C-alpha atoms as a PDB file:
ATOM      1  CA  UNK A   1       0.007  -0.275   0.005  1.00  0.00           C
ATOM      2  CA  UNK A   2       1.436   3.421  -0.944  1.00  0.00           C
ATOM      3  CA  UNK A   3       0.868   6.700   1.174  1.00  0.00           C
ATOM      4  CA  UNK A   4       0.310   9.161  -1.737  1.00  0.00           C
ATOM      5  CA  UNK A   5       1.094  12.295   0.896  1.00  0.00           C
ATOM      6  CA  UNK A   6       4.481  10.731   1.497  1.00  0.00           C
ATOM      7  CA  UNK A   7       7.913  10.664  -0.797  1.00  0.00           C
ATOM      8  CA  UNK A   8      11.100   8.760  -0.289  1.00  0.00           C
ATOM      9  CA  UNK A   9      13.977   9.884  -2.144  1.00  0.00           C
ATOM     10  CA  UNK A  10      17.249   8.025  -2.189  1.00  0.00           C
ATOM     11  CA  UNK A  11      19.838  10.606  -3.140  1.00  0.00           C
ATOM     12  CA  UNK A  12      22.986   8.938  -4.780  1.00  0.00           C
ATOM     13  CA  UNK A  13      25.139  11.834  -4.403  1.00  0.00           C
ATOM     14  CA  UNK A  14      25.435  12.561  -8.061  1.00  0.00           C
ATOM     15  CA  UNK A  15      24.610  15.378 -10.220  1.00  0.00           C
ATOM     16  CA  UNK A  16      21.604  13.960 -11.958  1.00  0.00           C
ATOM     17  CA  UNK A  17      20.382  12.605  -8.584  1.00  0.00           C
ATOM     18  CA  UNK A  18      20.698  16.136  -7.055  1.00  0.00           C
ATOM     19  CA  UNK A  19      18.807  17.804 -10.063  1.00  0.00           C
ATOM     20  CA  UNK A  20      15.988  15.150  -9.783  1.00  0.00           C
ATOM     21  CA  UNK A  21      15.689  15.422  -5.958  1.00  0.00           C
ATOM     22  CA  UNK A  22      15.516  19.546  -6.297  1.00  0.00           C
ATOM     23  CA  UNK A  23      12.710  19.166  -8.986  1.00  0.00           C
ATOM     24  CA  UNK A  24      10.737  16.689  -6.930  1.00  0.00           C
ATOM     25  CA  UNK A  25      10.803  19.093  -4.000  1.00  0.00           C
ATOM     26  CA  UNK A  26       9.759  21.737  -6.299  1.00  0.00           C
ATOM     27  CA  UNK A  27       7.121  19.863  -7.766  1.00  0.00           C
ATOM     28  CA  UNK A  28       5.620  18.231  -4.503  1.00  0.00           C
ATOM     29  CA  UNK A  29       5.952  21.058  -1.906  1.00  0.00           C
ATOM     30  CA  UNK A  30       3.026  20.040   0.187  1.00  0.00           C
ATOM     31  CA  UNK A  31       4.325  16.225   0.543  1.00  0.00           C
ATOM     32  CA  UNK A  32       6.087  14.892   3.363  1.00  0.00           C
ATOM     33  CA  UNK A  33       9.500  13.954   1.844  1.00  0.00           C
ATOM     34  CA  UNK A  34      12.405  12.115   3.487  1.00  0.00           C
ATOM     35  CA  UNK A  35      15.713  12.298   1.337  1.00  0.00           C
ATOM     36  CA  UNK A  36      18.129   9.614   2.229  1.00  0.00           C
ATOM     37  CA  UNK A  37      22.136   9.190   1.206  1.00  0.00           C
ATOM     38  CA  UNK A  38      23.303   5.718   1.995  1.00  0.00           C
ATOM     39  CA  UNK A  39      27.179   6.007   2.543  1.00  0.00           C
ATOM     40  CA  UNK A  40      29.195   2.781   2.033  1.00  0.00           C
ATOM     41  CA  UNK A  41      32.245   4.427   3.495  1.00  0.00           C
ATOM     42  CA  UNK A  42      33.898   4.027   0.026  1.00  0.00           C
ATOM     43  CA  UNK A  43      32.493   7.190  -1.532  1.00  0.00           C
ATOM     44  CA  UNK A  44      34.994   9.760  -2.879  1.00  0.00           C
ATOM     45  CA  UNK A  45      35.413  12.733  -0.592  1.00  0.00           C
ATOM     46  CA  UNK A  46      34.327  15.239  -3.288  1.00  0.00           C
ATOM     47  CA  UNK A  47      30.861  13.217  -3.265  1.00  0.00           C
ATOM     48  CA  UNK A  48      30.444  13.487   0.574  1.00  0.00           C
ATOM     49  CA  UNK A  49      31.302  17.456  -0.129  1.00  0.00           C
ATOM     50  CA  UNK A  50      28.607  17.569  -2.640  1.00  0.00           C
ATOM     51  CA  UNK A  51      26.045  15.874  -0.765  1.00  0.00           C
ATOM     52  CA  UNK A  52      26.997  18.277   2.179  1.00  0.00           C
ATOM     53  CA  UNK A  53      26.639  21.147  -0.093  1.00  0.00           C
ATOM     54  CA  UNK A  54      23.234  19.876  -1.615  1.00  0.00           C
ATOM     55  CA  UNK A  55      21.732  19.229   1.726  1.00  0.00           C
ATOM     56  CA  UNK A  56      22.689  22.907   3.157  1.00  0.00           C
ATOM     57  CA  UNK A  57      22.145  24.679  -0.258  1.00  0.00           C
ATOM     58  CA  UNK A  58      19.413  22.863  -2.194  1.00  0.00           C
ATOM     59  CA  UNK A  59      17.408  20.738   0.240  1.00  0.00           C
ATOM     60  CA  UNK A  60      17.019  22.665   3.424  1.00  0.00           C
ATOM     61  CA  UNK A  61      19.334  20.452   5.256  1.00  0.00           C
ATOM     62  CA  UNK A  62      16.913  17.490   5.271  1.00  0.00           C
ATOM     63  CA  UNK A  63      19.223  14.787   3.881  1.00  0.00           C
ATOM     64  CA  UNK A  64      19.232  11.844   6.231  1.00  0.00           C
ATOM     65  CA  UNK A  65      22.698  10.106   6.048  1.00  0.00           C
ATOM     66  CA  UNK A  66      22.595   6.591   6.530  1.00  0.00           C
ATOM     67  CA  UNK A  67      25.199   3.835   7.100  1.00  0.00           C
ATOM     68  CA  UNK A  68      24.805   0.170   7.454  1.00  0.00           C
ATOM     69  CA  UNK A  69      25.326  -1.390  10.719  1.00  0.00           C
ATOM     70  CA  UNK A  70      26.440  -5.081  10.456  1.00  0.00           C
ATOM     71  CA  UNK A  71      25.574  -7.654  12.867  1.00  0.00           C
ATOM     72  CA  UNK A  72      27.918 -10.464  12.644  1.00  0.00           C
ATOM     73  CA  UNK A  73      25.629 -13.129  13.977  1.00  0.00           C
ATOM     74  CA  UNK A  74      23.834 -15.431  11.635  1.00  0.00           C
ATOM     75  CA  UNK A  75      20.218 -14.582  10.931  1.00  0.00           C
ATOM     76  CA  UNK A  76      20.341 -10.813  12.009  1.00  0.00           C
ATOM     77  CA  UNK A  77      20.238  -8.596   8.935  1.00  0.00           C
ATOM     78  CA  UNK A  78      21.951  -5.123   8.498  1.00  0.00           C
ATOM     79  CA  UNK A  79      20.181  -2.297  10.394  1.00  0.00           C
ATOM     80  CA  UNK A  80      21.295   1.465  10.216  1.00  0.00           C
ATOM     81  CA  UNK A  81      22.844   4.443  11.921  1.00  0.00           C
ATOM     82  CA  UNK A  82      22.316   8.149  10.901  1.00  0.00           C
ATOM     83  CA  UNK A  83      25.515   9.939  10.740  1.00  0.00           C
ATOM     84  CA  UNK A  84      26.437  13.249   9.044  1.00  0.00           C
ATOM     85  CA  UNK A  85      29.009  14.764   6.930  1.00  0.00           C
ATOM     86  CA  UNK A  86      31.390  15.031   9.811  1.00  0.00           C
ATOM     87  CA  UNK A  87      30.871  11.464  10.945  1.00  0.00           C
ATOM     88  CA  UNK A  88      30.307   9.698   8.034  1.00  0.00           C
ATOM     89  CA  UNK A  89      32.482   6.779   7.465  1.00  0.00           C
ATOM     90  CA  UNK A  90      35.433   7.217   5.238  1.00  0.00           C
ATOM     91  CA  UNK A  91      37.426   4.073   5.409  1.00  0.00           C
ATOM     92  CA  UNK A  92      34.931   1.531   3.912  1.00  0.00           C
ATOM     93  CA  UNK A  93      33.474   0.355   7.218  1.00  0.00           C
ATOM     94  CA  UNK A  94      30.035  -0.315   6.239  1.00  0.00           C
ATOM     95  CA  UNK A  95      31.061  -2.043   3.215  1.00  0.00           C
ATOM     96  CA  UNK A  96      34.009  -3.976   4.592  1.00  0.00           C
ATOM     97  CA  UNK A  97      31.814  -5.296   7.509  1.00  0.00           C
ATOM     98  CA  UNK A  98      29.176  -6.451   4.941  1.00  0.00           C
ATOM     99  CA  UNK A  99      31.725  -8.281   2.896  1.00  0.00           C
ATOM    100  CA  UNK A 100      33.068 -10.023   6.235  1.00  0.00           C
ATOM    101  CA  UNK A 101      29.673 -11.133   6.901  1.00  0.00           C
ATOM    102  CA  UNK A 102      28.179 -11.957   3.387  1.00  0.00           C
ATOM    103  CA  UNK A 103      31.288 -12.669   1.431  1.00  0.00           C
ATOM    104  CA  UNK A 104      32.721 -10.606  -1.637  1.00  0.00           C
ATOM    105  CA  UNK A 105      30.057  -9.092  -3.718  1.00  0.00           C
ATOM    106  CA  UNK A 106      30.123  -9.979  -7.263  1.00  0.00           C
ATOM    107  CA  UNK A 107      28.052 -11.295 -10.186  1.00  0.00           C
ATOM    108  CA  UNK A 108      27.263 -14.559  -8.163  1.00  0.00           C
ATOM    109  CA  UNK A 109      26.901 -12.712  -4.914  1.00  0.00           C
ATOM    110  CA  UNK A 110      25.214  -9.318  -6.480  1.00  0.00           C
ATOM    111  CA  UNK A 111      23.648  -8.198  -3.086  1.00  0.00           C
ATOM    112  CA  UNK A 112      25.740  -5.408  -2.215  1.00  0.00           C
ATOM    113  CA  UNK A 113      23.441  -2.522  -3.038  1.00  0.00           C
ATOM    114  CA  UNK A 114      20.500  -4.255  -1.046  1.00  0.00           C
ATOM    115  CA  UNK A 115      22.691  -4.829   1.916  1.00  0.00           C
ATOM    116  CA  UNK A 116      24.588  -1.652   2.333  1.00  0.00           C
ATOM    117  CA  UNK A 117      22.064   0.560   1.067  1.00  0.00           C
ATOM    118  CA  UNK A 118      18.348  -0.607   0.460  1.00  0.00           C
ATOM    119  CA  UNK A 119      17.928  -2.553   3.667  1.00  0.00           C
ATOM    120  CA  UNK A 120      19.315   0.072   5.811  1.00  0.00           C
ATOM    121  CA  UNK A 121      17.218   2.715   4.133  1.00  0.00           C
ATOM    122  CA  UNK A 122      13.929   0.616   4.026  1.00  0.00           C
ATOM    123  CA  UNK A 123      14.581  -0.048   7.862  1.00  0.00           C
ATOM    124  CA  UNK A 124      14.986   3.901   8.586  1.00  0.00           C
ATOM    125  CA  UNK A 125      11.823   4.619   6.376  1.00  0.00           C
ATOM    126  CA  UNK A 126       9.879   1.934   8.281  1.00  0.00           C
ATOM    127  CA  UNK A 127      10.832   3.445  11.557  1.00  0.00           C
ATOM    128  CA  UNK A 128       9.647   6.853  10.538  1.00  0.00           C
ATOM    129  CA  UNK A 129       6.108   5.644   9.686  1.00  0.00           C
ATOM    130  CA  UNK A 130       6.540   5.431   5.993  1.00  0.00           C
ATOM    131  CA  UNK A 131       4.484   2.657   4.426  1.00  0.00           C
ATOM    132  CA  UNK A 132       6.592   0.556   2.151  1.00  0.00           C
ATOM    133  CA  UNK A 133       5.274  -1.771  -0.566  1.00  0.00           C
ATOM    134  CA  UNK A 134       4.858  -5.255   0.212  1.00  0.00           C
ATOM    135  CA  UNK A 135       7.027  -5.846  -3.332  1.00  0.00           C
ATOM    136  CA  UNK A 136       9.936  -8.447  -2.770  1.00  0.00           C
ATOM    137  CA  UNK A 137      13.096  -8.184  -4.804  1.00  0.00           C
END
């Protein structure tokens, strides 16, 4: 079920994503919007600076910076923590911890985006009361 009064935006940190995010904010000023940025810890420093600048200058300080929290025990999936520009991982910690648990991501184990970005974002959005589709990937 979709809540048509709420919009979730996954901001990648790229220029095209910034343009689209800004356009959505302008097009739907009356909607509740959550903008997330999922940091793997391997993003280039210029990308992190760009996300921070877009957040401050274009998005009104509303970007939620998320990182995966990897729980090493079997059967417990990744959760999330909220960080910001200053506290964002820069040594690849979320990615490396996921690789340590799930194995090296590759064509036969292609779950990097899901484990390090999508799952943490979905858990955050659910905690914020956003209704998410039941669609399974």
